[in-house]
Amino acid sequence: MATVSLEDVRKVYRGGVVAVKGVTLRVADGEFVSLVGPSGCGKSTTLNLIAGLEDLSGGTLRIDGAVVNDLSPKERDIAMVFQSYALYPHMDVARNLAFPLEVLGMSRADIDARVREVATTLGLESLLSRRPKELSGGQRQRVALGRALVRRPKVFLFDEPLSNLDAALRTQMRGEIKKLHERLAATFIYVTHDQAEAMTLSDRVVVMSQGEVQQVAPPRELYDAPANLFVAGFFGSPRINLVKPRTLGLPEGDDVVLGLRPEQLDITSSDVAGALSGRVYLVEPMGPESWVTVDVAGEHLVARAPGDFRAATGSPVCLRYDPAKLRRFDAQSGRAR
């Protein structure tokens, strides 16, 4: 497979619209890296620059050590899986899988061998004679994956491939993509707006905002030690509690913003030393646990409670937290302290 290196990569559209601002990133051989961020953050544009679907406005892009700035997508030896399945409706699954190899001029024996191998890997053997309209959404996505796999490219690029699927299928396909990466040990670069996908699939995650990289780190590090307020707020559901020190009864000034994950706040009895007093604003039962929004000194804090927690709106409750778990951010720059 291959490494992918971006060095001060930029993309500026007509009229001076800056989509990507000096992105520098190195993806190791066989690594699974996800690009995440809100709509318009530059993640898909960055992927298109790697693929050669967009021209760079500046910087250097290398695949396996070779500069590819001026190479066509075909010359870069990459395969891309899109949000839309982009299958040929008049071809059956076998022909859809074979078509990229036919374009390359491979022999029929080699094509058939590759198609059988990929069909076995993705569990498509019984579907080879079907056309796309006869497949479910998950099956179509597997065929789209297979069409990329059959070429054995240096790098696999994924542009929100699961966003058209329902929640259950997304979970299933997420697991299949993860197992596929483990089997192939290939270089995967994956764009998604879904933080759960990024957290569960990736070796490392690249968080982007307004065309810039905010942090690059393994998923657990992003969650536990976000580099700034943007990253802290982007990862986690429910979102991290961001409050002023005085809300927690701490003497620090308003130049600091404190972050505390909902699972780090416990609802407790009023006789616990250091507990915060508040009133229930909202209870959201989630099965094994409940998320409880509590009004504390005029600010809303979300805390975790047992699944059978019951309390009426306005009921008095107390919250307990471990001060060592607090994350501190500069109120002006947003950077972690």
C-alpha atoms as a PDB file:
ATOM      1  CA  MET A   1       0.000   0.000   0.000  1.00  0.00           C
ATOM      2  CA  ALA A   2       1.227   3.577   0.454  1.00  0.00           C
ATOM      3  CA  THR A   3       1.763   6.620   2.608  1.00  0.00           C
ATOM      4  CA  VAL A   4      -0.054   9.894   1.856  1.00  0.00           C
ATOM      5  CA  SER A   5       1.539  13.239   2.746  1.00  0.00           C
ATOM      6  CA  LEU A   6       0.034  16.705   2.533  1.00  0.00           C
ATOM      7  CA  GLU A   7       2.388  19.644   3.020  1.00  0.00           C
ATOM      8  CA  ASP A   8       0.786  23.082   3.382  1.00  0.00           C
ATOM      9  CA  VAL A   9      -1.977  22.067   0.955  1.00  0.00           C
ATOM     10  CA  ARG A  10      -4.367  24.865  -0.002  1.00  0.00           C
ATOM     11  CA  LYS A  11      -7.458  25.285  -2.147  1.00  0.00           C
ATOM     12  CA  VAL A  12      -8.824  28.699  -3.150  1.00  0.00           C
ATOM     13  CA  TYR A  13     -11.813  28.966  -5.459  1.00  0.00           C
ATOM     14  CA  ARG A  14     -12.702  31.762  -7.842  1.00  0.00           C
ATOM     15  CA  GLY A  15     -13.529  34.950  -6.021  1.00  0.00           C
ATOM     16  CA  GLY A  16     -11.019  34.220  -3.263  1.00  0.00           C
ATOM     17  CA  VAL A  17     -13.121  31.663  -1.396  1.00  0.00           C
ATOM     18  CA  VAL A  18     -10.639  29.673   0.715  1.00  0.00           C
ATOM     19  CA  ALA A  19     -11.771  26.069   1.207  1.00  0.00           C
ATOM     20  CA  VAL A  20      -8.555  24.498   2.546  1.00  0.00           C
ATOM     21  CA  LYS A  21      -5.977  26.528   4.489  1.00  0.00           C
ATOM     22  CA  GLY A  22      -2.514  25.048   4.650  1.00  0.00           C
ATOM     23  CA  VAL A  23      -3.305  21.467   5.665  1.00  0.00           C
ATOM     24  CA  THR A  24      -0.265  19.413   6.672  1.00  0.00           C
ATOM     25  CA  LEU A  25      -0.830  15.736   7.391  1.00  0.00           C
ATOM     26  CA  ARG A  26       0.951  12.403   6.994  1.00  0.00           C
ATOM     27  CA  VAL A  27      -1.059   9.181   6.736  1.00  0.00           C
ATOM     28  CA  ALA A  28       1.070   6.104   7.387  1.00  0.00           C
ATOM     29  CA  ASP A  29       1.071   2.984   5.248  1.00  0.00           C
ATOM     30  CA  GLY A  30      -1.923   0.862   6.311  1.00  0.00           C
ATOM     31  CA  GLU A  31      -3.386   3.526   8.598  1.00  0.00           C
ATOM     32  CA  PHE A  32      -7.099   4.345   8.865  1.00  0.00           C
ATOM     33  CA  VAL A  33      -7.506   8.129   9.139  1.00  0.00           C
ATOM     34  CA  SER A  34     -10.841   9.959   9.219  1.00  0.00           C
ATOM     35  CA  LEU A  35     -11.459  13.599   8.336  1.00  0.00           C
ATOM     36  CA  VAL A  36     -14.352  15.034  10.347  1.00  0.00           C
ATOM     37  CA  GLY A  37     -16.011  18.355  10.903  1.00  0.00           C
ATOM     38  CA  PRO A  38     -19.222  20.257  10.192  1.00  0.00           C
ATOM     39  CA  SER A  39     -20.548  20.909   6.697  1.00  0.00           C
ATOM     40  CA  GLY A  40     -18.297  23.299   4.796  1.00  0.00           C
ATOM     41  CA  CYS A  41     -15.213  22.640   6.940  1.00  0.00           C
ATOM     42  CA  GLY A  42     -13.097  21.494   3.969  1.00  0.00           C
ATOM     43  CA  LYS A  43     -12.947  17.755   4.633  1.00  0.00           C
ATOM     44  CA  SER A  44     -14.445  16.627   1.300  1.00  0.00           C
ATOM     45  CA  THR A  45     -12.403  19.201  -0.604  1.00  0.00           C
ATOM     46  CA  THR A  46      -9.259  17.833   1.041  1.00  0.00           C
ATOM     47  CA  LEU A  47     -10.240  14.308  -0.012  1.00  0.00           C
ATOM     48  CA  ASN A  48     -10.874  15.505  -3.576  1.00  0.00           C
ATOM     49  CA  LEU A  49      -7.433  17.108  -3.645  1.00  0.00           C
ATOM     50  CA  ILE A  50      -5.871  13.786  -2.632  1.00  0.00           C
ATOM     51  CA  ALA A  51      -7.905  12.014  -5.315  1.00  0.00           C
ATOM     52  CA  GLY A  52      -6.982  14.503  -8.023  1.00  0.00           C
ATOM     53  CA  LEU A  53     -10.593  15.566  -8.557  1.00  0.00           C
ATOM     54  CA  GLU A  54      -9.591  19.123  -7.562  1.00  0.00           C
ATOM     55  CA  ASP A  55      -6.423  21.028  -8.469  1.00  0.00           C
ATOM     56  CA  LEU A  56      -4.224  22.297  -5.644  1.00  0.00           C
ATOM     57  CA  SER A  57      -3.882  26.069  -5.220  1.00  0.00           C
ATOM     58  CA  GLY A  58      -0.670  25.534  -3.274  1.00  0.00           C
ATOM     59  CA  GLY A  59       1.370  23.032  -1.329  1.00  0.00           C
ATOM     60  CA  THR A  60       2.644  19.546  -2.098  1.00  0.00           C
ATOM     61  CA  LEU A  61       0.842  16.204  -2.171  1.00  0.00           C
ATOM     62  CA  ARG A  62       2.774  12.931  -2.106  1.00  0.00           C
ATOM     63  CA  ILE A  63       1.575   9.337  -2.447  1.00  0.00           C
ATOM     64  CA  ASP A  64       4.146   6.714  -1.514  1.00  0.00           C
ATOM     65  CA  GLY A  65       6.797   9.444  -1.528  1.00  0.00           C
ATOM     66  CA  ALA A  66       6.150  10.625  -5.102  1.00  0.00           C
ATOM     67  CA  VAL A  67       4.778  14.117  -5.789  1.00  0.00           C
ATOM     68  CA  VAL A  68       1.378  13.723  -7.490  1.00  0.00           C
ATOM     69  CA  ASN A  69       0.280  17.379  -7.764  1.00  0.00           C
ATOM     70  CA  ASP A  70       0.031  17.203 -11.562  1.00  0.00           C
ATOM     71  CA  LEU A  71      -1.073  13.573 -11.937  1.00  0.00           C
ATOM     72  CA  SER A  72      -4.580  12.570 -13.002  1.00  0.00           C
ATOM     73  CA  PRO A  73      -6.760  10.475 -10.653  1.00  0.00           C
ATOM     74  CA  LYS A  74      -6.006   7.377 -12.733  1.00  0.00           C
ATOM     75  CA  GLU A  75      -2.255   7.945 -12.457  1.00  0.00           C
ATOM     76  CA  ARG A  76      -2.425   8.262  -8.666  1.00  0.00           C
ATOM     77  CA  ASP A  77      -3.537   4.633  -8.204  1.00  0.00           C
ATOM     78  CA  ILE A  78      -6.323   5.400  -5.772  1.00  0.00           C
ATOM     79  CA  ALA A  79      -9.883   4.099  -5.469  1.00  0.00           C
ATOM     80  CA  MET A  80     -12.779   6.170  -4.211  1.00  0.00           C
ATOM     81  CA  VAL A  81     -16.097   5.159  -2.647  1.00  0.00           C
ATOM     82  CA  PHE A  82     -18.718   7.884  -2.763  1.00  0.00           C
ATOM     83  CA  GLN A  83     -21.870   8.731  -0.821  1.00  0.00           C
ATOM     84  CA  SER A  84     -23.891   7.711  -3.890  1.00  0.00           C
ATOM     85  CA  TYR A  85     -23.287   4.118  -4.933  1.00  0.00           C
ATOM     86  CA  ALA A  86     -22.690   5.103  -8.590  1.00  0.00           C
ATOM     87  CA  LEU A  87     -23.385   1.569  -9.850  1.00  0.00           C
ATOM     88  CA  TYR A  88     -24.190   0.876 -13.488  1.00  0.00           C
ATOM     89  CA  PRO A  89     -27.929   0.024 -13.426  1.00  0.00           C
ATOM     90  CA  HIS A  90     -27.847  -2.082 -16.613  1.00  0.00           C
ATOM     91  CA  MET A  91     -25.027  -4.320 -15.317  1.00  0.00           C
ATOM     92  CA  ASP A  92     -25.319  -7.124 -12.792  1.00  0.00           C
ATOM     93  CA  VAL A  93     -23.104  -7.208  -9.698  1.00  0.00           C
ATOM     94  CA  ALA A  94     -20.450  -9.363 -11.378  1.00  0.00           C
ATOM     95  CA  ARG A  95     -20.127  -6.952 -14.290  1.00  0.00           C
ATOM     96  CA  ASN A  96     -20.107  -3.902 -11.988  1.00  0.00           C
ATOM     97  CA  LEU A  97     -17.196  -5.467 -10.108  1.00  0.00           C
ATOM     98  CA  ALA A  98     -15.408  -6.490 -13.299  1.00  0.00           C
ATOM     99  CA  PHE A  99     -15.780  -3.229 -15.193  1.00  0.00           C
ATOM    100  CA  PRO A 100     -12.764  -1.364 -13.682  1.00  0.00           C
ATOM    101  CA  LEU A 101     -10.547  -4.325 -14.588  1.00  0.00           C
ATOM    102  CA  GLU A 102     -11.959  -4.515 -18.104  1.00  0.00           C
ATOM    103  CA  VAL A 103     -11.014  -0.860 -18.589  1.00  0.00           C
ATOM    104  CA  LEU A 104      -7.463  -1.759 -17.513  1.00  0.00           C
ATOM    105  CA  GLY A 105      -7.371  -4.478 -20.171  1.00  0.00           C
ATOM    106  CA  MET A 106      -6.842  -7.423 -17.832  1.00  0.00           C
ATOM    107  CA  SER A 107      -7.407 -10.958 -19.087  1.00  0.00           C
ATOM    108  CA  ARG A 108     -10.795 -12.567 -18.542  1.00  0.00           C
ATOM    109  CA  ALA A 109      -9.296 -15.278 -16.320  1.00  0.00           C
ATOM    110  CA  ASP A 110      -7.633 -12.697 -14.064  1.00  0.00           C
ATOM    111  CA  ILE A 111     -10.800 -10.591 -13.948  1.00  0.00           C
ATOM    112  CA  ASP A 112     -12.945 -13.558 -12.962  1.00  0.00           C
ATOM    113  CA  ALA A 113     -10.475 -14.541 -10.252  1.00  0.00           C
ATOM    114  CA  ARG A 114     -10.447 -11.024  -8.796  1.00  0.00           C
ATOM    115  CA  VAL A 115     -14.233 -10.757  -8.881  1.00  0.00           C
ATOM    116  CA  ARG A 116     -14.628 -14.100  -7.076  1.00  0.00           C
ATOM    117  CA  GLU A 117     -12.088 -13.060  -4.448  1.00  0.00           C
ATOM    118  CA  VAL A 118     -13.787  -9.734  -3.728  1.00  0.00           C
ATOM    119  CA  ALA A 119     -17.272 -11.263  -3.796  1.00  0.00           C
ATOM    120  CA  THR A 120     -16.166 -13.788  -1.177  1.00  0.00           C
ATOM    121  CA  THR A 121     -14.569 -11.093   0.975  1.00  0.00           C
ATOM    122  CA  LEU A 122     -17.733  -8.979   0.972  1.00  0.00           C
ATOM    123  CA  GLY A 123     -20.308 -11.786   1.035  1.00  0.00           C
ATOM    124  CA  LEU A 124     -21.608 -11.028  -2.441  1.00  0.00           C
ATOM    125  CA  GLU A 125     -21.328 -14.523  -3.964  1.00  0.00           C
ATOM    126  CA  SER A 126     -25.092 -15.098  -4.066  1.00  0.00           C
ATOM    127  CA  LEU A 127     -25.770 -11.651  -5.534  1.00  0.00           C
ATOM    128  CA  LEU A 128     -23.477 -11.704  -8.567  1.00  0.00           C
ATOM    129  CA  SER A 129     -26.329 -12.138 -11.083  1.00  0.00           C
ATOM    130  CA  ARG A 130     -28.521  -9.389  -9.617  1.00  0.00           C
ATOM    131  CA  ARG A 131     -28.779  -5.833 -10.886  1.00  0.00           C
ATOM    132  CA  PRO A 132     -28.512  -2.811  -8.532  1.00  0.00           C
ATOM    133  CA  LYS A 133     -32.288  -2.247  -8.425  1.00  0.00           C
ATOM    134  CA  GLU A 134     -32.652  -5.747  -6.941  1.00  0.00           C
ATOM    135  CA  LEU A 135     -30.295  -4.999  -4.031  1.00  0.00           C
ATOM    136  CA  SER A 136     -30.813  -3.395  -0.638  1.00  0.00           C
ATOM    137  CA  GLY A 137     -28.964  -0.226   0.320  1.00  0.00           C
ATOM    138  CA  GLY A 138     -26.389  -2.157   2.321  1.00  0.00           C
ATOM    139  CA  GLN A 139     -25.819  -4.605  -0.536  1.00  0.00           C
ATOM    140  CA  ARG A 140     -25.342  -1.763  -3.010  1.00  0.00           C
ATOM    141  CA  GLN A 141     -22.791  -0.174  -0.709  1.00  0.00           C
ATOM    142  CA  ARG A 142     -20.895  -3.460  -0.508  1.00  0.00           C
ATOM    143  CA  VAL A 143     -20.813  -3.627  -4.309  1.00  0.00           C
ATOM    144  CA  ALA A 144     -19.462  -0.064  -4.399  1.00  0.00           C
ATOM    145  CA  LEU A 145     -16.782  -1.129  -1.911  1.00  0.00           C
ATOM    146  CA  GLY A 146     -16.030  -4.186  -4.009  1.00  0.00           C
ATOM    147  CA  ARG A 147     -15.540  -2.119  -7.135  1.00  0.00           C
ATOM    148  CA  ALA A 148     -12.845  -0.195  -5.283  1.00  0.00           C
ATOM    149  CA  LEU A 149     -11.275  -3.330  -3.789  1.00  0.00           C
ATOM    150  CA  VAL A 150     -11.045  -5.239  -7.035  1.00  0.00           C
ATOM    151  CA  ARG A 151      -8.462  -2.801  -8.429  1.00  0.00           C
ATOM    152  CA  ARG A 152      -6.078  -3.275  -5.474  1.00  0.00           C
ATOM    153  CA  PRO A 153      -5.118   0.412  -5.383  1.00  0.00           C
ATOM    154  CA  LYS A 154      -2.447   2.011  -3.218  1.00  0.00           C
ATOM    155  CA  VAL A 155      -4.954   4.141  -1.293  1.00  0.00           C
ATOM    156  CA  PHE A 156      -8.689   3.858  -0.579  1.00  0.00           C
ATOM    157  CA  LEU A 157     -10.656   7.102  -0.246  1.00  0.00           C
ATOM    158  CA  PHE A 158     -14.177   7.201   1.230  1.00  0.00           C
ATOM    159  CA  ASP A 159     -16.465  10.235   0.960  1.00  0.00           C
ATOM    160  CA  GLU A 160     -19.302   9.787   3.506  1.00  0.00           C
ATOM    161  CA  PRO A 161     -20.105   6.311   2.128  1.00  0.00           C
ATOM    162  CA  LEU A 162     -22.700   5.432   4.771  1.00  0.00           C
ATOM    163  CA  SER A 163     -24.728   8.634   4.966  1.00  0.00           C
ATOM    164  CA  ASN A 164     -27.492   7.305   2.673  1.00  0.00           C
ATOM    165  CA  LEU A 165     -28.156   4.297   4.912  1.00  0.00           C
ATOM    166  CA  ASP A 166     -30.538   4.062   7.855  1.00  0.00           C
ATOM    167  CA  ALA A 167     -29.153   3.840  11.394  1.00  0.00           C
ATOM    168  CA  ALA A 168     -29.162   0.034  11.623  1.00  0.00           C
ATOM    169  CA  LEU A 169     -27.443  -0.402   8.243  1.00  0.00           C
ATOM    170  CA  ARG A 170     -24.887   2.282   9.082  1.00  0.00           C
ATOM    171  CA  THR A 171     -23.896   0.362  12.200  1.00  0.00           C
ATOM    172  CA  GLN A 172     -23.645  -2.894  10.259  1.00  0.00           C
ATOM    173  CA  MET A 173     -21.618  -1.390   7.411  1.00  0.00           C
ATOM    174  CA  ARG A 174     -19.362   0.423   9.855  1.00  0.00           C
ATOM    175  CA  GLY A 175     -18.407  -2.922  11.332  1.00  0.00           C
ATOM    176  CA  GLU A 176     -17.829  -4.392   7.874  1.00  0.00           C
ATOM    177  CA  ILE A 177     -15.553  -1.521   6.858  1.00  0.00           C
ATOM    178  CA  LYS A 178     -13.540  -1.878  10.061  1.00  0.00           C
ATOM    179  CA  LYS A 179     -13.084  -5.634   9.550  1.00  0.00           C
ATOM    180  CA  LEU A 180     -12.222  -5.040   5.909  1.00  0.00           C
ATOM    181  CA  HIS A 181      -9.451  -2.637   6.876  1.00  0.00           C
ATOM    182  CA  GLU A 182      -8.086  -5.146   9.369  1.00  0.00           C
ATOM    183  CA  ARG A 183      -7.982  -7.853   6.693  1.00  0.00           C
ATOM    184  CA  LEU A 184      -6.429  -5.699   3.977  1.00  0.00           C
ATOM    185  CA  ALA A 185      -4.042  -3.650   6.161  1.00  0.00           C
ATOM    186  CA  ALA A 186      -4.539  -0.977   3.483  1.00  0.00           C
ATOM    187  CA  THR A 187      -4.334   2.820   3.663  1.00  0.00           C
ATOM    188  CA  PHE A 188      -7.852   4.218   4.236  1.00  0.00           C
ATOM    189  CA  ILE A 189      -8.762   7.918   4.277  1.00  0.00           C
ATOM    190  CA  TYR A 190     -12.386   8.387   5.285  1.00  0.00           C
ATOM    191  CA  VAL A 191     -14.525  11.539   5.301  1.00  0.00           C
ATOM    192  CA  THR A 192     -17.553  11.710   7.574  1.00  0.00           C
ATOM    193  CA  HIS A 193     -19.612  14.212   9.545  1.00  0.00           C
ATOM    194  CA  ASP A 194     -20.554  11.434  11.984  1.00  0.00           C
ATOM    195  CA  GLN A 195     -18.335  11.485  15.058  1.00  0.00           C
ATOM    196  CA  ALA A 196     -19.367   7.935  16.003  1.00  0.00           C
ATOM    197  CA  GLU A 197     -18.035   6.635  12.670  1.00  0.00           C
ATOM    198  CA  ALA A 198     -14.776   8.495  13.137  1.00  0.00           C
ATOM    199  CA  MET A 199     -14.343   7.298  16.728  1.00  0.00           C
ATOM    200  CA  THR A 200     -15.074   3.628  16.061  1.00  0.00           C
ATOM    201  CA  LEU A 201     -13.255   3.211  12.733  1.00  0.00           C
ATOM    202  CA  SER A 202     -10.099   5.273  12.922  1.00  0.00           C
ATOM    203  CA  ASP A 203      -6.526   4.887  14.074  1.00  0.00           C
ATOM    204  CA  ARG A 204      -6.380   8.688  14.051  1.00  0.00           C
ATOM    205  CA  VAL A 205      -8.934  11.437  13.469  1.00  0.00           C
ATOM    206  CA  VAL A 206      -8.348  14.800  11.758  1.00  0.00           C
ATOM    207  CA  VAL A 207     -10.787  17.431  13.052  1.00  0.00           C
ATOM    208  CA  MET A 208     -11.333  20.326  10.651  1.00  0.00           C
ATOM    209  CA  SER A 209     -13.108  23.678  10.902  1.00  0.00           C
ATOM    210  CA  GLN A 210     -13.222  26.469   8.319  1.00  0.00           C
ATOM    211  CA  GLY A 211     -10.617  24.789   6.152  1.00  0.00           C
ATOM    212  CA  GLU A 212      -8.067  24.318   8.929  1.00  0.00           C
ATOM    213  CA  VAL A 213      -6.943  21.317  10.953  1.00  0.00           C
ATOM    214  CA  GLN A 214      -7.874  21.767  14.611  1.00  0.00           C
ATOM    215  CA  GLN A 215      -6.350  18.556  15.978  1.00  0.00           C
ATOM    216  CA  VAL A 216      -4.981  15.224  14.779  1.00  0.00           C
ATOM    217  CA  ALA A 217      -5.006  12.425  17.356  1.00  0.00           C
ATOM    218  CA  PRO A 218      -6.307   8.947  18.192  1.00  0.00           C
ATOM    219  CA  PRO A 219     -10.034   8.975  19.035  1.00  0.00           C
ATOM    220  CA  ARG A 220      -9.580   8.524  22.781  1.00  0.00           C
ATOM    221  CA  GLU A 221      -7.119  11.397  22.975  1.00  0.00           C
ATOM    222  CA  LEU A 222      -9.504  13.696  21.104  1.00  0.00           C
ATOM    223  CA  TYR A 223     -12.233  12.870  23.579  1.00  0.00           C
ATOM    224  CA  ASP A 224     -10.152  13.069  26.748  1.00  0.00           C
ATOM    225  CA  ALA A 225      -7.759  15.879  25.814  1.00  0.00           C
ATOM    226  CA  PRO A 226      -9.311  18.148  23.162  1.00  0.00           C
ATOM    227  CA  ALA A 227      -6.942  20.826  21.883  1.00  0.00           C
ATOM    228  CA  ASN A 228      -9.551  23.579  21.938  1.00  0.00           C
ATOM    229  CA  LEU A 229     -13.195  24.415  22.556  1.00  0.00           C
ATOM    230  CA  PHE A 230     -14.216  23.478  19.001  1.00  0.00           C
ATOM    231  CA  VAL A 231     -12.875  19.932  19.311  1.00  0.00           C
ATOM    232  CA  ALA A 232     -14.290  19.583  22.828  1.00  0.00           C
ATOM    233  CA  GLY A 233     -17.752  20.566  21.617  1.00  0.00           C
ATOM    234  CA  PHE A 234     -17.661  18.511  18.422  1.00  0.00           C
ATOM    235  CA  PHE A 235     -16.942  15.146  20.044  1.00  0.00           C
ATOM    236  CA  GLY A 236     -19.315  13.586  22.508  1.00  0.00           C
ATOM    237  CA  SER A 237     -23.051  12.961  22.723  1.00  0.00           C
ATOM    238  CA  PRO A 238     -24.493  14.541  24.761  1.00  0.00           C
ATOM    239  CA  ARG A 239     -22.094  17.440  24.243  1.00  0.00           C
ATOM    240  CA  ILE A 240     -19.532  18.390  26.846  1.00  0.00           C
ATOM    241  CA  ASN A 241     -20.667  20.821  29.551  1.00  0.00           C
ATOM    242  CA  LEU A 242     -18.861  24.139  29.083  1.00  0.00           C
ATOM    243  CA  VAL A 243     -19.365  26.505  32.008  1.00  0.00           C
ATOM    244  CA  LYS A 244     -17.831  29.432  33.852  1.00  0.00           C
ATOM    245  CA  PRO A 245     -15.877  28.588  37.030  1.00  0.00           C
ATOM    246  CA  ARG A 246     -18.350  30.363  39.280  1.00  0.00           C
ATOM    247  CA  THR A 247     -21.092  27.938  38.175  1.00  0.00           C
ATOM    248  CA  LEU A 248     -19.102  25.170  39.871  1.00  0.00           C
ATOM    249  CA  GLY A 249     -18.276  27.352  42.847  1.00  0.00           C
ATOM    250  CA  LEU A 250     -14.623  27.734  41.836  1.00  0.00           C
ATOM    251  CA  PRO A 251     -12.627  30.944  42.383  1.00  0.00           C
ATOM    252  CA  GLU A 252     -11.104  31.179  38.877  1.00  0.00           C
ATOM    253  CA  GLY A 253     -11.922  34.191  36.701  1.00  0.00           C
ATOM    254  CA  ASP A 254     -14.027  34.487  33.577  1.00  0.00           C
ATOM    255  CA  ASP A 255     -10.941  34.172  31.351  1.00  0.00           C
ATOM    256  CA  VAL A 256     -11.331  30.400  31.811  1.00  0.00           C
ATOM    257  CA  VAL A 257     -13.998  28.049  30.435  1.00  0.00           C
ATOM    258  CA  LEU A 258     -14.363  24.704  32.213  1.00  0.00           C
ATOM    259  CA  GLY A 259     -15.299  21.504  30.411  1.00  0.00           C
ATOM    260  CA  LEU A 260     -16.865  18.454  32.031  1.00  0.00           C
ATOM    261  CA  ARG A 261     -18.308  15.469  30.169  1.00  0.00           C
ATOM    262  CA  PRO A 262     -21.883  14.460  31.156  1.00  0.00           C
ATOM    263  CA  GLU A 263     -20.700  11.019  32.289  1.00  0.00           C
ATOM    264  CA  GLN A 264     -18.318  12.783  34.702  1.00  0.00           C
ATOM    265  CA  LEU A 265     -21.258  14.347  36.560  1.00  0.00           C
ATOM    266  CA  ASP A 266     -23.218  12.151  38.973  1.00  0.00           C
ATOM    267  CA  ILE A 267     -26.559  12.875  40.561  1.00  0.00           C
ATOM    268  CA  THR A 268     -26.178  12.361  44.290  1.00  0.00           C
ATOM    269  CA  SER A 269     -27.796  13.017  47.649  1.00  0.00           C
ATOM    270  CA  SER A 270     -27.643  16.460  49.184  1.00  0.00           C
ATOM    271  CA  ASP A 271     -25.449  15.404  52.098  1.00  0.00           C
ATOM    272  CA  VAL A 272     -22.324  14.829  49.950  1.00  0.00           C
ATOM    273  CA  ALA A 273     -19.626  17.414  50.581  1.00  0.00           C
ATOM    274  CA  GLY A 274     -18.940  19.690  47.629  1.00  0.00           C
ATOM    275  CA  ALA A 275     -22.084  18.720  45.718  1.00  0.00           C
ATOM    276  CA  LEU A 276     -23.722  21.324  43.470  1.00  0.00           C
ATOM    277  CA  SER A 277     -27.352  22.168  44.108  1.00  0.00           C
ATOM    278  CA  GLY A 278     -29.725  22.510  41.195  1.00  0.00           C
ATOM    279  CA  ARG A 279     -33.144  21.667  39.815  1.00  0.00           C
ATOM    280  CA  VAL A 280     -34.167  19.163  37.154  1.00  0.00           C
ATOM    281  CA  TYR A 281     -34.851  20.805  33.805  1.00  0.00           C
ATOM    282  CA  LEU A 282     -35.183  17.724  31.558  1.00  0.00           C
ATOM    283  CA  VAL A 283     -34.903  13.931  31.857  1.00  0.00           C
ATOM    284  CA  GLU A 284     -34.098  11.866  28.739  1.00  0.00           C
ATOM    285  CA  PRO A 285     -34.368   8.089  29.348  1.00  0.00           C
ATOM    286  CA  MET A 286     -32.018   6.163  27.020  1.00  0.00           C
ATOM    287  CA  GLY A 287     -32.582   2.597  28.223  1.00  0.00           C
ATOM    288  CA  PRO A 288     -29.601   1.573  30.381  1.00  0.00           C
ATOM    289  CA  GLU A 289     -29.017   5.189  31.434  1.00  0.00           C
ATOM    290  CA  SER A 290     -30.739   8.557  31.512  1.00  0.00           C
ATOM    291  CA  TRP A 291     -29.365  11.988  30.656  1.00  0.00           C
ATOM    292  CA  VAL A 292     -30.581  14.616  33.077  1.00  0.00           C
ATOM    293  CA  THR A 293     -30.312  18.339  32.370  1.00  0.00           C
ATOM    294  CA  VAL A 294     -29.983  20.259  35.622  1.00  0.00           C
ATOM    295  CA  ASP A 295     -30.278  24.020  36.116  1.00  0.00           C
ATOM    296  CA  VAL A 296     -27.351  25.108  38.289  1.00  0.00           C
ATOM    297  CA  ALA A 297     -27.037  28.829  39.005  1.00  0.00           C
ATOM    298  CA  GLY A 298     -28.787  29.665  35.742  1.00  0.00           C
ATOM    299  CA  GLU A 299     -26.698  27.332  33.562  1.00  0.00           C
ATOM    300  CA  HIS A 300     -27.739  23.947  32.226  1.00  0.00           C
ATOM    301  CA  LEU A 301     -25.503  20.968  33.009  1.00  0.00           C
ATOM    302  CA  VAL A 302     -26.145  17.492  31.601  1.00  0.00           C
ATOM    303  CA  ALA A 303     -25.423  14.573  33.947  1.00  0.00           C
ATOM    304  CA  ARG A 304     -25.683  10.807  33.673  1.00  0.00           C
ATOM    305  CA  ALA A 305     -28.162   8.918  35.858  1.00  0.00           C
ATOM    306  CA  PRO A 306     -29.389   5.298  36.055  1.00  0.00           C
ATOM    307  CA  GLY A 307     -31.891   4.203  33.442  1.00  0.00           C
ATOM    308  CA  ASP A 308     -34.688   4.079  36.005  1.00  0.00           C
ATOM    309  CA  PHE A 309     -34.082   7.650  37.238  1.00  0.00           C
ATOM    310  CA  ARG A 310     -37.327   9.546  37.665  1.00  0.00           C
ATOM    311  CA  ALA A 311     -37.798  13.155  38.742  1.00  0.00           C
ATOM    312  CA  ALA A 312     -40.315  15.836  37.920  1.00  0.00           C
ATOM    313  CA  THR A 313     -39.240  19.075  36.288  1.00  0.00           C
ATOM    314  CA  GLY A 314     -38.164  21.502  38.998  1.00  0.00           C
ATOM    315  CA  SER A 315     -37.249  18.796  41.514  1.00  0.00           C
ATOM    316  CA  PRO A 316     -34.166  19.638  43.600  1.00  0.00           C
ATOM    317  CA  VAL A 317     -31.096  17.480  42.901  1.00  0.00           C
ATOM    318  CA  CYS A 318     -27.380  17.620  43.602  1.00  0.00           C
ATOM    319  CA  LEU A 319     -24.432  16.973  41.300  1.00  0.00           C
ATOM    320  CA  ARG A 320     -21.012  15.610  42.182  1.00  0.00           C
ATOM    321  CA  TYR A 321     -17.872  15.657  40.040  1.00  0.00           C
ATOM    322  CA  ASP A 322     -14.175  14.911  40.300  1.00  0.00           C
ATOM    323  CA  PRO A 323     -12.215  18.202  40.021  1.00  0.00           C
ATOM    324  CA  ALA A 324      -9.325  16.279  38.444  1.00  0.00           C
ATOM    325  CA  LYS A 325     -11.556  15.543  35.422  1.00  0.00           C
ATOM    326  CA  LEU A 326     -12.122  19.233  34.608  1.00  0.00           C
ATOM    327  CA  ARG A 327     -10.705  20.505  31.301  1.00  0.00           C
ATOM    328  CA  ARG A 328      -9.664  24.161  31.177  1.00  0.00           C
ATOM    329  CA  PHE A 329      -9.818  26.350  28.067  1.00  0.00           C
ATOM    330  CA  ASP A 330      -8.842  29.951  27.427  1.00  0.00           C
ATOM    331  CA  ALA A 331     -12.046  31.956  27.045  1.00  0.00           C
ATOM    332  CA  GLN A 332     -10.528  34.210  24.342  1.00  0.00           C
ATOM    333  CA  SER A 333      -8.503  31.849  22.140  1.00  0.00           C
ATOM    334  CA  GLY A 334     -10.425  28.668  22.962  1.00  0.00           C
ATOM    335  CA  ARG A 335      -7.170  26.721  23.378  1.00  0.00           C
ATOM    336  CA  ALA A 336      -6.782  24.106  26.093  1.00  0.00           C
ATOM    337  CA  ARG A 337      -4.680  25.206  29.063  1.00  0.00           C
END
